[in-house]
């Protein structure tokens, strides 16, 4: 059955691979990112895209309007957009924290709030977090803003699942370990991850389509390495 899939952070890495995987399976995809050129260049008939900054109210409303005008609902929302900052805590300003949280927490919350009315009880909101945001996991210097923001969306997911447990949709969060992406290179220069962006995207695609049958309000740690 054809699903309507919304993905943020689709210009590169896992999000870019996810858009292609879903589209190749015949699903309708709205691939959102600030730079829409890589997705637009695919020229795939099942993928719609336009420039989208998750921190801008006008862009959030554009996404809502697209759904209202073109789809009969959203089956899967994948909150994949993220911003990383690797900087010693004493050099991390309040503005630095705010810029990271605008994308990783506030943007996720704002987009989810707008899209939830379009989602059926069987829908699935999947938010991409990080092992760095998991309580008790190994932590790394320089990632105070990033890792704490990723911890915040883990708690948000648990709260959403409780608040919407009667009418749906389902909410789950995936805490990813090291995946070979541009973002990993920013956080850990020179480190080579054992998992490719395509490999992780394949896992996330399958989970997004079926995970709500088994999980709601759960944190799944998807990691075989540290970082």
N, C-alpha and C. Protein backbone atom coordinates (compact mmCIF):
# COMPACT_ATOMS: atom_id res chain seq x y z
N UNK A 1 0.84 -1.20 0.00
CA UNK A 1 0.00 0.00 0.00
C UNK A 1 0.88 1.25 0.00
N UNK A 2 0.53 2.20 -0.85
CA UNK A 2 1.30 3.44 -0.95
C UNK A 2 1.08 4.31 0.28
N UNK A 3 2.19 4.80 0.84
CA UNK A 3 2.14 5.65 2.02
C UNK A 3 2.62 7.06 1.67
N UNK A 4 2.19 8.02 2.47
CA UNK A 4 2.68 9.38 2.36
C UNK A 4 3.73 9.61 3.44
N UNK A 5 4.95 9.93 3.02
CA UNK A 5 6.09 10.00 3.93
C UNK A 5 6.69 11.40 3.92
N UNK A 6 6.87 11.99 5.08
CA UNK A 6 7.54 13.28 5.19
C UNK A 6 8.88 13.08 5.91
N UNK A 7 9.94 13.62 5.32
CA UNK A 7 11.30 13.47 5.86
C UNK A 7 11.96 14.83 5.92
N UNK A 8 12.55 15.18 7.06
CA UNK A 8 13.34 16.41 7.15
C UNK A 8 14.83 16.05 7.07
N UNK A 9 15.63 17.06 6.79
CA UNK A 9 17.07 16.83 6.67
C UNK A 9 17.40 15.91 5.50
N UNK A 10 16.78 16.18 4.35
CA UNK A 10 16.85 15.25 3.22
C UNK A 10 17.91 15.58 2.18
N UNK A 11 18.73 16.58 2.44
CA UNK A 11 19.69 17.00 1.41
C UNK A 11 20.94 16.14 1.35
N UNK A 12 21.20 15.36 2.41
CA UNK A 12 22.42 14.57 2.46
C UNK A 12 22.26 13.43 3.46
N UNK A 13 23.24 12.55 3.46
CA UNK A 13 23.30 11.51 4.48
C UNK A 13 22.09 10.61 4.52
N UNK A 14 21.67 10.29 5.73
CA UNK A 14 20.57 9.35 5.94
C UNK A 14 19.27 9.84 5.32
N UNK A 15 18.95 11.11 5.48
CA UNK A 15 17.71 11.65 4.93
C UNK A 15 17.64 11.54 3.42
N UNK A 16 18.73 11.82 2.76
CA UNK A 16 18.81 11.72 1.29
C UNK A 16 18.58 10.28 0.84
N UNK A 17 19.20 9.35 1.54
CA UNK A 17 19.03 7.93 1.20
C UNK A 17 17.60 7.47 1.49
N UNK A 18 17.03 7.93 2.60
CA UNK A 18 15.67 7.55 2.94
C UNK A 18 14.68 7.97 1.86
N UNK A 19 14.81 9.20 1.38
CA UNK A 19 13.89 9.70 0.36
C UNK A 19 13.90 8.80 -0.87
N UNK A 20 15.09 8.39 -1.29
CA UNK A 20 15.19 7.53 -2.47
C UNK A 20 14.61 6.14 -2.20
N UNK A 21 14.89 5.58 -1.03
CA UNK A 21 14.40 4.24 -0.71
C UNK A 21 12.87 4.19 -0.69
N UNK A 22 12.26 5.15 -0.03
CA UNK A 22 10.80 5.19 0.01
C UNK A 22 10.21 5.38 -1.38
N UNK A 23 10.80 6.30 -2.14
CA UNK A 23 10.28 6.59 -3.48
C UNK A 23 10.39 5.38 -4.40
N UNK A 24 11.49 4.67 -4.31
CA UNK A 24 11.69 3.49 -5.15
C UNK A 24 10.70 2.38 -4.81
N UNK A 25 10.19 2.39 -3.58
CA UNK A 25 9.17 1.41 -3.19
C UNK A 25 7.77 1.86 -3.59
N UNK A 26 7.68 3.05 -4.18
CA UNK A 26 6.39 3.52 -4.68
C UNK A 26 5.63 4.44 -3.75
N UNK A 27 6.26 4.82 -2.63
CA UNK A 27 5.60 5.72 -1.70
C UNK A 27 5.73 7.18 -2.16
N UNK A 28 4.82 8.02 -1.69
CA UNK A 28 4.90 9.46 -1.95
C UNK A 28 5.76 10.09 -0.87
N UNK A 29 6.74 10.89 -1.29
CA UNK A 29 7.71 11.46 -0.35
C UNK A 29 7.74 12.97 -0.46
N UNK A 30 7.67 13.64 0.68
CA UNK A 30 7.98 15.06 0.76
C UNK A 30 9.31 15.17 1.47
N UNK A 31 10.34 15.53 0.72
CA UNK A 31 11.72 15.57 1.23
C UNK A 31 12.08 17.03 1.50
N UNK A 32 12.28 17.36 2.77
CA UNK A 32 12.47 18.75 3.18
C UNK A 32 13.89 19.01 3.66
N UNK A 33 14.48 20.10 3.19
CA UNK A 33 15.80 20.52 3.65
C UNK A 33 16.05 21.93 3.17
N UNK A 34 16.98 22.61 3.83
CA UNK A 34 17.29 23.97 3.43
C UNK A 34 17.81 24.02 2.00
N UNK A 35 18.64 23.06 1.66
CA UNK A 35 19.16 22.95 0.30
C UNK A 35 18.41 21.83 -0.41
N UNK A 36 17.48 22.20 -1.29
CA UNK A 36 16.68 21.17 -1.96
C UNK A 36 17.29 20.71 -3.28
N UNK A 37 18.43 21.27 -3.65
CA UNK A 37 19.01 20.95 -4.96
C UNK A 37 19.37 19.47 -5.12
N UNK A 38 20.01 18.82 -4.13
CA UNK A 38 20.35 17.40 -4.32
C UNK A 38 19.12 16.52 -4.56
N UNK A 39 18.05 16.78 -3.82
CA UNK A 39 16.82 16.00 -3.99
C UNK A 39 16.16 16.34 -5.32
N UNK A 40 16.10 17.62 -5.65
CA UNK A 40 15.48 18.04 -6.91
C UNK A 40 16.20 17.43 -8.11
N UNK A 41 17.53 17.28 -7.98
CA UNK A 41 18.32 16.73 -9.08
C UNK A 41 17.98 15.27 -9.37
N UNK A 42 17.40 14.58 -8.39
CA UNK A 42 16.99 13.19 -8.62
C UNK A 42 15.85 13.11 -9.63
N UNK A 43 15.05 14.16 -9.66
CA UNK A 43 13.92 14.24 -10.59
C UNK A 43 13.06 12.98 -10.52
N UNK A 44 12.77 12.55 -9.30
CA UNK A 44 11.99 11.33 -9.11
C UNK A 44 10.51 11.68 -9.05
N UNK A 45 9.67 10.98 -9.80
CA UNK A 45 8.24 11.33 -9.84
C UNK A 45 7.53 11.18 -8.50
N UNK A 46 8.08 10.40 -7.57
CA UNK A 46 7.42 10.20 -6.28
C UNK A 46 7.93 11.13 -5.18
N UNK A 47 8.87 12.01 -5.53
CA UNK A 47 9.46 12.89 -4.53
C UNK A 47 9.11 14.34 -4.81
N UNK A 48 8.53 15.01 -3.83
CA UNK A 48 8.31 16.45 -3.89
C UNK A 48 9.30 17.11 -2.94
N UNK A 49 9.75 18.30 -3.29
CA UNK A 49 10.68 19.02 -2.42
C UNK A 49 10.59 20.51 -2.67
N UNK A 50 11.00 21.27 -1.68
CA UNK A 50 11.18 22.71 -1.80
C UNK A 50 12.08 23.14 -0.66
N UNK A 51 12.74 24.30 -0.77
CA UNK A 51 13.63 24.74 0.31
C UNK A 51 12.85 24.89 1.62
N UNK A 52 13.44 24.36 2.68
CA UNK A 52 12.71 24.30 3.95
C UNK A 52 13.68 24.46 5.11
N UNK A 53 13.49 25.51 5.89
CA UNK A 53 14.28 25.75 7.09
C UNK A 53 13.36 25.50 8.29
N UNK A 54 13.65 24.48 9.06
CA UNK A 54 12.76 24.07 10.14
C UNK A 54 12.65 25.12 11.25
N UNK A 55 13.52 26.11 11.24
CA UNK A 55 13.46 27.16 12.25
C UNK A 55 12.59 28.34 11.82
N UNK A 56 12.07 28.31 10.60
CA UNK A 56 11.28 29.43 10.07
C UNK A 56 9.80 29.08 10.05
N UNK A 57 8.99 29.91 10.67
CA UNK A 57 7.55 29.68 10.73
C UNK A 57 6.94 29.59 9.35
N UNK A 58 7.36 30.46 8.43
CA UNK A 58 6.80 30.45 7.08
C UNK A 58 7.06 29.14 6.37
N UNK A 59 8.24 28.56 6.56
CA UNK A 59 8.56 27.29 5.92
C UNK A 59 7.77 26.14 6.54
N UNK A 60 7.58 26.19 7.85
CA UNK A 60 6.76 25.18 8.51
C UNK A 60 5.32 25.22 7.97
N UNK A 61 4.81 26.41 7.78
CA UNK A 61 3.45 26.55 7.25
C UNK A 61 3.37 26.10 5.80
N UNK A 62 4.46 26.29 5.04
CA UNK A 62 4.49 25.81 3.66
C UNK A 62 4.37 24.29 3.62
N UNK A 63 5.05 23.62 4.55
CA UNK A 63 4.98 22.16 4.62
C UNK A 63 3.55 21.72 4.95
N UNK A 64 2.94 22.40 5.91
CA UNK A 64 1.56 22.09 6.27
C UNK A 64 0.62 22.30 5.08
N UNK A 65 0.81 23.37 4.36
CA UNK A 65 -0.04 23.68 3.21
C UNK A 65 0.13 22.65 2.10
N UNK A 66 1.36 22.18 1.90
CA UNK A 66 1.59 21.15 0.89
C UNK A 66 0.77 19.90 1.21
N UNK A 67 0.82 19.49 2.47
CA UNK A 67 0.08 18.30 2.88
C UNK A 67 -1.42 18.50 2.69
N UNK A 68 -1.92 19.65 3.13
CA UNK A 68 -3.35 19.93 3.04
C UNK A 68 -3.83 19.96 1.60
N UNK A 69 -2.98 20.42 0.69
CA UNK A 69 -3.38 20.60 -0.71
C UNK A 69 -3.15 19.38 -1.58
N UNK A 70 -2.19 18.53 -1.20
CA UNK A 70 -1.77 17.46 -2.10
C UNK A 70 -2.00 16.04 -1.59
N UNK A 71 -2.09 15.87 -0.29
CA UNK A 71 -2.22 14.53 0.27
C UNK A 71 -3.50 14.41 1.09
N UNK A 72 -3.93 13.17 1.31
CA UNK A 72 -5.08 12.95 2.18
C UNK A 72 -4.66 12.66 3.61
N UNK A 73 -3.37 12.79 3.88
CA UNK A 73 -2.85 12.57 5.22
C UNK A 73 -1.37 12.25 5.17
N UNK A 74 -0.76 12.13 6.35
CA UNK A 74 0.66 11.77 6.46
C UNK A 74 0.74 10.48 7.26
N UNK A 75 1.29 9.44 6.65
CA UNK A 75 1.41 8.15 7.33
C UNK A 75 2.66 8.07 8.20
N UNK A 76 3.74 8.68 7.73
CA UNK A 76 5.01 8.62 8.45
C UNK A 76 5.67 10.00 8.42
N UNK A 77 6.06 10.48 9.59
CA UNK A 77 6.88 11.69 9.71
C UNK A 77 8.21 11.28 10.32
N UNK A 78 9.30 11.54 9.60
CA UNK A 78 10.63 11.22 10.11
C UNK A 78 11.35 12.53 10.41
N UNK A 79 11.51 12.82 11.69
CA UNK A 79 12.23 14.01 12.14
C UNK A 79 13.72 13.70 12.12
N UNK A 80 14.34 13.98 10.99
CA UNK A 80 15.74 13.61 10.78
C UNK A 80 16.68 14.82 10.77
N UNK A 81 16.14 16.01 10.53
CA UNK A 81 17.01 17.19 10.47
C UNK A 81 17.75 17.39 11.77
N UNK A 82 19.01 17.74 11.69
CA UNK A 82 19.78 17.95 12.91
C UNK A 82 20.91 18.93 12.69
N UNK A 83 21.32 19.54 13.78
CA UNK A 83 22.45 20.47 13.75
C UNK A 83 23.45 20.04 14.81
N UNK A 84 24.70 19.93 14.42
CA UNK A 84 25.74 19.50 15.36
C UNK A 84 26.68 20.67 15.65
N UNK A 85 27.18 20.72 16.86
CA UNK A 85 28.19 21.71 17.24
C UNK A 85 29.23 21.01 18.10
N UNK A 86 30.47 21.06 17.69
CA UNK A 86 31.56 20.46 18.46
C UNK A 86 32.44 21.61 18.95
N UNK A 87 32.24 21.97 20.23
CA UNK A 87 32.95 23.13 20.79
C UNK A 87 33.03 22.96 22.30
N UNK A 88 34.17 23.25 22.90
CA UNK A 88 34.29 23.15 24.36
C UNK A 88 33.18 23.94 25.06
N UNK A 89 32.70 23.41 26.17
CA UNK A 89 31.56 24.03 26.84
C UNK A 89 31.83 25.48 27.22
N UNK A 90 33.02 25.79 27.71
CA UNK A 90 33.32 27.17 28.13
C UNK A 90 33.36 28.14 26.96
N UNK A 91 33.44 27.61 25.75
CA UNK A 91 33.42 28.45 24.55
C UNK A 91 32.07 28.40 23.84
N UNK A 92 31.10 27.68 24.43
CA UNK A 92 29.77 27.55 23.83
C UNK A 92 28.85 28.58 24.46
N UNK A 93 28.43 29.54 23.67
CA UNK A 93 27.61 30.64 24.18
C UNK A 93 26.14 30.23 24.27
N UNK A 94 25.37 31.09 24.93
CA UNK A 94 23.93 30.86 25.00
C UNK A 94 23.33 30.85 23.60
N UNK A 95 23.85 31.69 22.73
CA UNK A 95 23.36 31.73 21.35
C UNK A 95 23.68 30.43 20.62
N UNK A 96 24.87 29.87 20.88
CA UNK A 96 25.23 28.59 20.28
C UNK A 96 24.23 27.51 20.69
N UNK A 97 23.93 27.46 21.98
CA UNK A 97 22.95 26.49 22.47
C UNK A 97 21.60 26.70 21.79
N UNK A 98 21.21 27.96 21.70
CA UNK A 98 19.90 28.28 21.13
C UNK A 98 19.83 27.83 19.67
N UNK A 99 20.89 28.06 18.91
CA UNK A 99 20.88 27.69 17.49
C UNK A 99 20.75 26.19 17.31
N UNK A 100 21.41 25.42 18.16
CA UNK A 100 21.31 23.95 18.08
C UNK A 100 19.90 23.50 18.47
N UNK A 101 19.38 24.07 19.55
CA UNK A 101 18.05 23.67 20.03
C UNK A 101 16.94 24.11 19.07
N UNK A 102 17.15 25.21 18.36
CA UNK A 102 16.14 25.65 17.38
C UNK A 102 15.86 24.58 16.34
N UNK A 103 16.90 23.87 15.93
CA UNK A 103 16.73 22.81 14.94
C UNK A 103 16.35 21.49 15.60
N UNK A 104 17.14 21.08 16.58
CA UNK A 104 17.05 19.72 17.12
C UNK A 104 15.88 19.49 18.06
N UNK A 105 15.37 20.56 18.66
CA UNK A 105 14.27 20.41 19.63
C UNK A 105 13.05 21.22 19.20
N UNK A 106 13.21 22.55 19.13
CA UNK A 106 12.05 23.39 18.82
C UNK A 106 11.51 23.11 17.43
N UNK A 107 12.39 22.94 16.46
CA UNK A 107 11.95 22.65 15.10
C UNK A 107 11.20 21.33 15.02
N UNK A 108 11.73 20.33 15.70
CA UNK A 108 11.08 19.02 15.74
C UNK A 108 9.69 19.14 16.35
N UNK A 109 9.59 19.85 17.47
CA UNK A 109 8.30 20.01 18.14
C UNK A 109 7.32 20.80 17.28
N UNK A 110 7.80 21.86 16.66
CA UNK A 110 6.90 22.71 15.87
C UNK A 110 6.36 22.00 14.64
N UNK A 111 7.23 21.27 13.94
CA UNK A 111 6.77 20.55 12.74
C UNK A 111 5.81 19.43 13.15
N UNK A 112 6.16 18.71 14.19
CA UNK A 112 5.30 17.62 14.64
C UNK A 112 3.91 18.14 15.03
N UNK A 113 3.87 19.27 15.71
CA UNK A 113 2.59 19.86 16.11
C UNK A 113 1.72 20.17 14.90
N UNK A 114 2.33 20.68 13.84
CA UNK A 114 1.57 21.05 12.64
C UNK A 114 1.08 19.84 11.85
N UNK A 115 1.85 18.77 11.87
CA UNK A 115 1.53 17.61 11.03
C UNK A 115 0.62 16.60 11.73
N UNK A 116 0.63 16.56 13.04
CA UNK A 116 -0.17 15.57 13.78
C UNK A 116 -1.65 15.54 13.36
N UNK A 117 -2.30 16.69 13.13
CA UNK A 117 -3.71 16.63 12.73
C UNK A 117 -3.96 15.88 11.42
N UNK A 118 -2.92 15.70 10.61
CA UNK A 118 -3.07 15.00 9.33
C UNK A 118 -2.74 13.51 9.43
N UNK A 119 -2.37 13.05 10.62
CA UNK A 119 -1.90 11.68 10.76
C UNK A 119 -2.99 10.76 11.33
N UNK A 120 -3.16 9.57 10.76
CA UNK A 120 -4.15 8.63 11.27
C UNK A 120 -3.65 7.93 12.54
N UNK A 121 -4.52 7.20 13.17
CA UNK A 121 -4.15 6.46 14.38
C UNK A 121 -3.02 5.48 14.10
N UNK A 122 -2.99 4.97 12.88
CA UNK A 122 -1.95 4.01 12.48
C UNK A 122 -0.65 4.67 12.05
N UNK A 123 -0.60 6.01 12.09
CA UNK A 123 0.59 6.73 11.65
C UNK A 123 1.76 6.53 12.60
N UNK A 124 2.93 7.00 12.15
CA UNK A 124 4.15 6.77 12.92
C UNK A 124 5.05 8.00 12.82
N UNK A 125 5.38 8.56 13.96
CA UNK A 125 6.36 9.65 14.03
C UNK A 125 7.67 9.05 14.54
N UNK A 126 8.68 9.11 13.72
CA UNK A 126 10.00 8.59 14.08
C UNK A 126 10.97 9.75 14.19
N UNK A 127 11.54 9.94 15.36
CA UNK A 127 12.50 11.01 15.56
C UNK A 127 13.89 10.41 15.70
N UNK A 128 14.83 11.00 14.98
CA UNK A 128 16.20 10.51 14.99
C UNK A 128 16.99 11.23 16.07
N UNK A 129 17.43 10.47 17.05
CA UNK A 129 18.26 11.01 18.11
C UNK A 129 19.67 10.43 17.97
N UNK A 130 20.41 10.46 19.05
CA UNK A 130 21.81 10.02 19.03
C UNK A 130 22.11 9.28 20.32
N UNK A 131 23.05 8.35 20.24
CA UNK A 131 23.49 7.68 21.46
C UNK A 131 24.01 8.68 22.48
N UNK A 132 24.51 9.81 22.00
CA UNK A 132 25.00 10.85 22.89
C UNK A 132 23.92 11.46 23.76
N UNK A 133 22.64 11.26 23.37
CA UNK A 133 21.54 11.80 24.15
C UNK A 133 20.93 10.81 25.11
N UNK A 134 21.47 9.59 25.14
CA UNK A 134 20.92 8.53 25.99
C UNK A 134 21.55 8.59 27.37
N UNK A 135 20.73 8.61 28.39
CA UNK A 135 21.24 8.67 29.76
C UNK A 135 22.10 7.44 30.05
N UNK A 136 23.29 7.67 30.57
CA UNK A 136 24.19 6.58 30.91
C UNK A 136 25.11 6.13 29.80
N UNK A 137 24.92 6.68 28.59
CA UNK A 137 25.79 6.30 27.49
C UNK A 137 27.13 7.03 27.59
N UNK A 138 28.10 6.59 26.81
CA UNK A 138 29.39 7.26 26.76
C UNK A 138 29.20 8.68 26.21
N UNK A 139 29.79 9.64 26.85
CA UNK A 139 29.70 11.02 26.39
C UNK A 139 31.05 11.52 25.91
N UNK A 140 31.02 12.58 25.07
CA UNK A 140 32.24 13.10 24.47
C UNK A 140 32.33 14.61 24.67
N UNK A 141 33.53 15.10 25.01
CA UNK A 141 33.72 16.54 25.19
C UNK A 141 33.36 17.32 23.93
N UNK A 142 32.84 18.51 24.13
CA UNK A 142 32.55 19.39 23.00
C UNK A 142 31.13 19.28 22.47
N UNK A 143 30.37 18.30 22.94
CA UNK A 143 29.04 18.06 22.39
C UNK A 143 27.93 18.39 23.37
N UNK A 144 28.18 19.34 24.28
CA UNK A 144 27.17 19.69 25.30
C UNK A 144 25.84 20.10 24.68
N UNK A 145 25.88 21.00 23.71
CA UNK A 145 24.64 21.48 23.10
C UNK A 145 23.96 20.38 22.29
N UNK A 146 24.75 19.70 21.46
CA UNK A 146 24.18 18.68 20.58
C UNK A 146 23.59 17.51 21.37
N UNK A 147 24.38 16.90 22.24
CA UNK A 147 23.92 15.70 22.93
C UNK A 147 22.75 16.00 23.87
N UNK A 148 22.78 17.14 24.53
CA UNK A 148 21.66 17.47 25.43
C UNK A 148 20.38 17.71 24.63
N UNK A 149 20.50 18.28 23.43
CA UNK A 149 19.32 18.47 22.59
C UNK A 149 18.75 17.13 22.14
N UNK A 150 19.63 16.18 21.89
CA UNK A 150 19.18 14.85 21.47
C UNK A 150 18.55 14.09 22.63
N UNK A 151 18.97 14.40 23.85
CA UNK A 151 18.30 13.84 25.01
C UNK A 151 16.90 14.41 25.16
N UNK A 152 16.73 15.68 24.81
CA UNK A 152 15.43 16.33 24.94
C UNK A 152 14.37 15.68 24.06
N UNK A 153 14.73 15.31 22.83
CA UNK A 153 13.72 14.73 21.94
C UNK A 153 13.39 13.29 22.33
N UNK A 154 14.28 12.64 23.07
CA UNK A 154 13.93 11.32 23.61
C UNK A 154 12.79 11.47 24.61
N UNK A 155 12.92 12.43 25.51
CA UNK A 155 11.86 12.67 26.50
C UNK A 155 10.58 13.16 25.83
N UNK A 156 10.71 14.03 24.83
CA UNK A 156 9.53 14.49 24.10
C UNK A 156 8.75 13.33 23.51
N UNK A 157 9.47 12.38 22.92
CA UNK A 157 8.82 11.23 22.30
C UNK A 157 8.01 10.44 23.33
N UNK A 158 8.57 10.24 24.51
CA UNK A 158 7.86 9.52 25.56
C UNK A 158 6.60 10.27 25.98
N UNK A 159 6.69 11.59 26.06
CA UNK A 159 5.54 12.40 26.45
C UNK A 159 4.45 12.39 25.38
N UNK A 160 4.87 12.49 24.12
CA UNK A 160 3.89 12.47 23.01
C UNK A 160 3.13 11.15 22.99
N UNK A 161 3.86 10.06 23.15
CA UNK A 161 3.22 8.74 23.11
C UNK A 161 2.15 8.63 24.19
N UNK A 162 2.43 9.17 25.36
CA UNK A 162 1.46 9.14 26.45
C UNK A 162 0.26 10.03 26.15
N UNK A 163 0.52 11.22 25.65
CA UNK A 163 -0.56 12.18 25.40
C UNK A 163 -1.49 11.73 24.28
N UNK A 164 -0.95 11.02 23.29
CA UNK A 164 -1.75 10.62 22.13
C UNK A 164 -2.03 9.12 22.08
N UNK A 165 -1.89 8.44 23.22
CA UNK A 165 -1.99 6.97 23.19
C UNK A 165 -3.37 6.47 22.81
N UNK A 166 -4.40 7.28 23.01
CA UNK A 166 -5.76 6.83 22.69
C UNK A 166 -6.08 7.03 21.21
N UNK A 167 -5.70 8.18 20.65
CA UNK A 167 -6.10 8.48 19.27
C UNK A 167 -4.96 8.35 18.27
N UNK A 168 -3.72 8.11 18.76
CA UNK A 168 -2.60 7.96 17.86
C UNK A 168 -2.14 9.30 17.31
N UNK A 169 -1.11 9.30 16.50
CA UNK A 169 -0.34 8.15 16.00
C UNK A 169 0.63 7.61 17.06
N UNK A 170 1.53 6.74 16.63
CA UNK A 170 2.58 6.22 17.51
C UNK A 170 3.84 7.06 17.36
N UNK A 171 4.62 7.11 18.43
CA UNK A 171 5.86 7.89 18.45
C UNK A 171 7.00 7.02 18.95
N UNK A 172 8.09 7.00 18.22
CA UNK A 172 9.28 6.29 18.67
C UNK A 172 10.52 7.09 18.29
N UNK A 173 11.59 6.84 19.01
CA UNK A 173 12.83 7.58 18.78
C UNK A 173 13.99 6.60 18.64
N UNK A 174 14.81 6.82 17.65
CA UNK A 174 15.97 5.97 17.38
C UNK A 174 17.24 6.73 17.76
N UNK A 175 17.99 6.18 18.70
CA UNK A 175 19.27 6.77 19.09
C UNK A 175 20.36 6.08 18.26
N UNK A 176 20.89 6.80 17.30
CA UNK A 176 21.86 6.21 16.38
C UNK A 176 23.27 6.29 16.93
N UNK A 177 24.03 5.26 16.66
CA UNK A 177 25.46 5.29 16.91
C UNK A 177 26.16 5.90 15.72
N UNK A 178 27.41 5.54 15.53
CA UNK A 178 28.20 6.15 14.46
C UNK A 178 27.74 5.68 13.09
N UNK A 179 27.41 6.63 12.23
CA UNK A 179 27.05 6.37 10.84
C UNK A 179 27.92 7.28 9.98
N UNK A 180 28.43 6.75 8.88
CA UNK A 180 29.35 7.52 8.06
C UNK A 180 28.61 8.60 7.26
N UNK A 181 28.49 9.77 7.88
CA UNK A 181 27.82 10.90 7.26
C UNK A 181 28.66 12.15 7.42
N UNK A 182 28.26 13.22 6.74
CA UNK A 182 28.95 14.50 6.87
C UNK A 182 28.87 15.01 8.31
N UNK A 183 27.73 14.75 8.96
CA UNK A 183 27.57 15.22 10.34
C UNK A 183 28.54 14.51 11.28
N UNK A 184 28.75 13.21 11.07
CA UNK A 184 29.71 12.49 11.89
C UNK A 184 31.10 13.09 11.73
N UNK A 185 31.44 13.44 10.50
CA UNK A 185 32.76 14.02 10.23
C UNK A 185 32.92 15.35 10.97
N UNK A 186 31.82 16.11 11.09
CA UNK A 186 31.87 17.37 11.82
C UNK A 186 32.10 17.14 13.31
N UNK A 187 31.46 16.10 13.85
CA UNK A 187 31.55 15.83 15.28
C UNK A 187 32.84 15.10 15.65
N UNK A 188 33.26 14.16 14.77
CA UNK A 188 34.45 13.33 15.04
C UNK A 188 35.32 13.28 13.78
N UNK A 189 36.05 14.36 13.51
CA UNK A 189 36.86 14.42 12.30
C UNK A 189 37.83 13.23 12.19
N UNK A 190 37.81 12.59 11.05
CA UNK A 190 38.72 11.49 10.80
C UNK A 190 38.23 10.12 11.23
N UNK A 191 37.16 10.08 12.01
CA UNK A 191 36.64 8.79 12.47
C UNK A 191 35.88 8.10 11.33
N UNK A 192 36.08 6.81 11.15
CA UNK A 192 35.38 6.05 10.12
C UNK A 192 34.38 5.12 10.78
N UNK A 193 33.13 5.32 10.47
CA UNK A 193 32.06 4.54 11.08
C UNK A 193 31.89 3.20 10.38
N UNK A 194 31.41 2.20 11.12
CA UNK A 194 31.20 0.88 10.53
C UNK A 194 29.89 0.75 9.75
N UNK A 195 29.04 1.79 9.82
CA UNK A 195 27.73 1.73 9.17
C UNK A 195 27.62 2.87 8.16
N UNK A 196 27.15 2.57 6.95
CA UNK A 196 26.97 3.59 5.92
C UNK A 196 25.63 4.28 6.09
N UNK A 197 25.50 5.45 5.46
CA UNK A 197 24.22 6.17 5.49
C UNK A 197 23.12 5.33 4.86
N UNK A 198 23.44 4.64 3.76
CA UNK A 198 22.44 3.80 3.10
C UNK A 198 22.03 2.63 3.98
N UNK A 199 23.00 2.03 4.65
CA UNK A 199 22.69 0.91 5.53
C UNK A 199 21.75 1.32 6.65
N UNK A 200 22.04 2.45 7.28
CA UNK A 200 21.17 2.92 8.36
C UNK A 200 19.81 3.35 7.82
N UNK A 201 19.80 4.00 6.66
CA UNK A 201 18.53 4.42 6.07
C UNK A 201 17.63 3.23 5.77
N UNK A 202 18.22 2.14 5.34
CA UNK A 202 17.44 0.94 5.06
C UNK A 202 16.75 0.43 6.32
N UNK A 203 17.49 0.44 7.42
CA UNK A 203 16.90 0.02 8.70
C UNK A 203 15.77 0.97 9.10
N UNK A 204 16.02 2.28 9.03
CA UNK A 204 15.03 3.26 9.46
C UNK A 204 13.78 3.18 8.59
N UNK A 205 13.94 2.97 7.30
CA UNK A 205 12.79 2.85 6.40
C UNK A 205 11.87 1.72 6.86
N UNK A 206 12.45 0.56 7.09
CA UNK A 206 11.65 -0.59 7.51
C UNK A 206 10.99 -0.33 8.86
N UNK A 207 11.73 0.28 9.79
CA UNK A 207 11.16 0.57 11.10
C UNK A 207 10.03 1.59 11.01
N UNK A 208 10.20 2.59 10.17
CA UNK A 208 9.18 3.64 10.04
C UNK A 208 7.87 3.07 9.51
N UNK A 209 7.96 2.06 8.66
CA UNK A 209 6.76 1.48 8.06
C UNK A 209 6.08 0.44 8.96
N UNK A 210 6.83 -0.18 9.85
CA UNK A 210 6.26 -1.29 10.62
C UNK A 210 6.44 -1.19 12.14
N UNK A 211 7.36 -0.33 12.60
CA UNK A 211 7.69 -0.29 14.02
C UNK A 211 6.54 0.07 14.93
N UNK A 212 5.58 0.85 14.43
CA UNK A 212 4.45 1.27 15.26
C UNK A 212 3.56 0.11 15.65
N UNK A 213 3.69 -1.03 14.97
CA UNK A 213 2.90 -2.22 15.32
C UNK A 213 3.40 -2.86 16.62
N UNK A 214 4.65 -2.54 16.96
CA UNK A 214 5.28 -3.21 18.10
C UNK A 214 5.73 -2.25 19.20
N UNK A 215 5.92 -0.96 18.84
CA UNK A 215 6.48 -0.01 19.80
C UNK A 215 5.68 1.28 19.81
N UNK A 216 5.62 1.91 20.97
CA UNK A 216 5.09 3.27 21.08
C UNK A 216 5.72 3.92 22.30
N UNK A 217 6.29 5.09 22.09
CA UNK A 217 6.95 5.79 23.18
C UNK A 217 8.27 5.18 23.59
N UNK A 218 8.89 4.46 22.66
CA UNK A 218 10.11 3.74 22.99
C UNK A 218 11.36 4.37 22.40
N UNK A 219 12.44 4.23 23.15
CA UNK A 219 13.77 4.59 22.68
C UNK A 219 14.47 3.29 22.26
N UNK A 220 14.88 3.24 21.00
CA UNK A 220 15.65 2.10 20.53
C UNK A 220 17.06 2.55 20.23
N UNK A 221 18.02 1.89 20.81
CA UNK A 221 19.42 2.23 20.61
C UNK A 221 19.96 1.43 19.41
N UNK A 222 20.27 2.16 18.35
CA UNK A 222 20.71 1.52 17.10
C UNK A 222 22.20 1.80 16.95
N UNK A 223 22.99 0.99 17.61
CA UNK A 223 24.43 1.28 17.65
C UNK A 223 25.23 0.00 17.85
N UNK A 224 26.31 -0.12 17.10
CA UNK A 224 27.23 -1.24 17.33
C UNK A 224 28.66 -0.76 17.58
N UNK A 225 28.78 0.56 17.85
CA UNK A 225 30.10 1.11 18.08
C UNK A 225 30.00 2.36 18.93
N UNK A 226 31.15 2.78 19.46
CA UNK A 226 31.25 4.04 20.20
C UNK A 226 32.45 4.80 19.63
N UNK A 227 32.30 6.01 19.08
CA UNK A 227 31.05 6.77 19.12
C UNK A 227 30.00 6.20 18.18
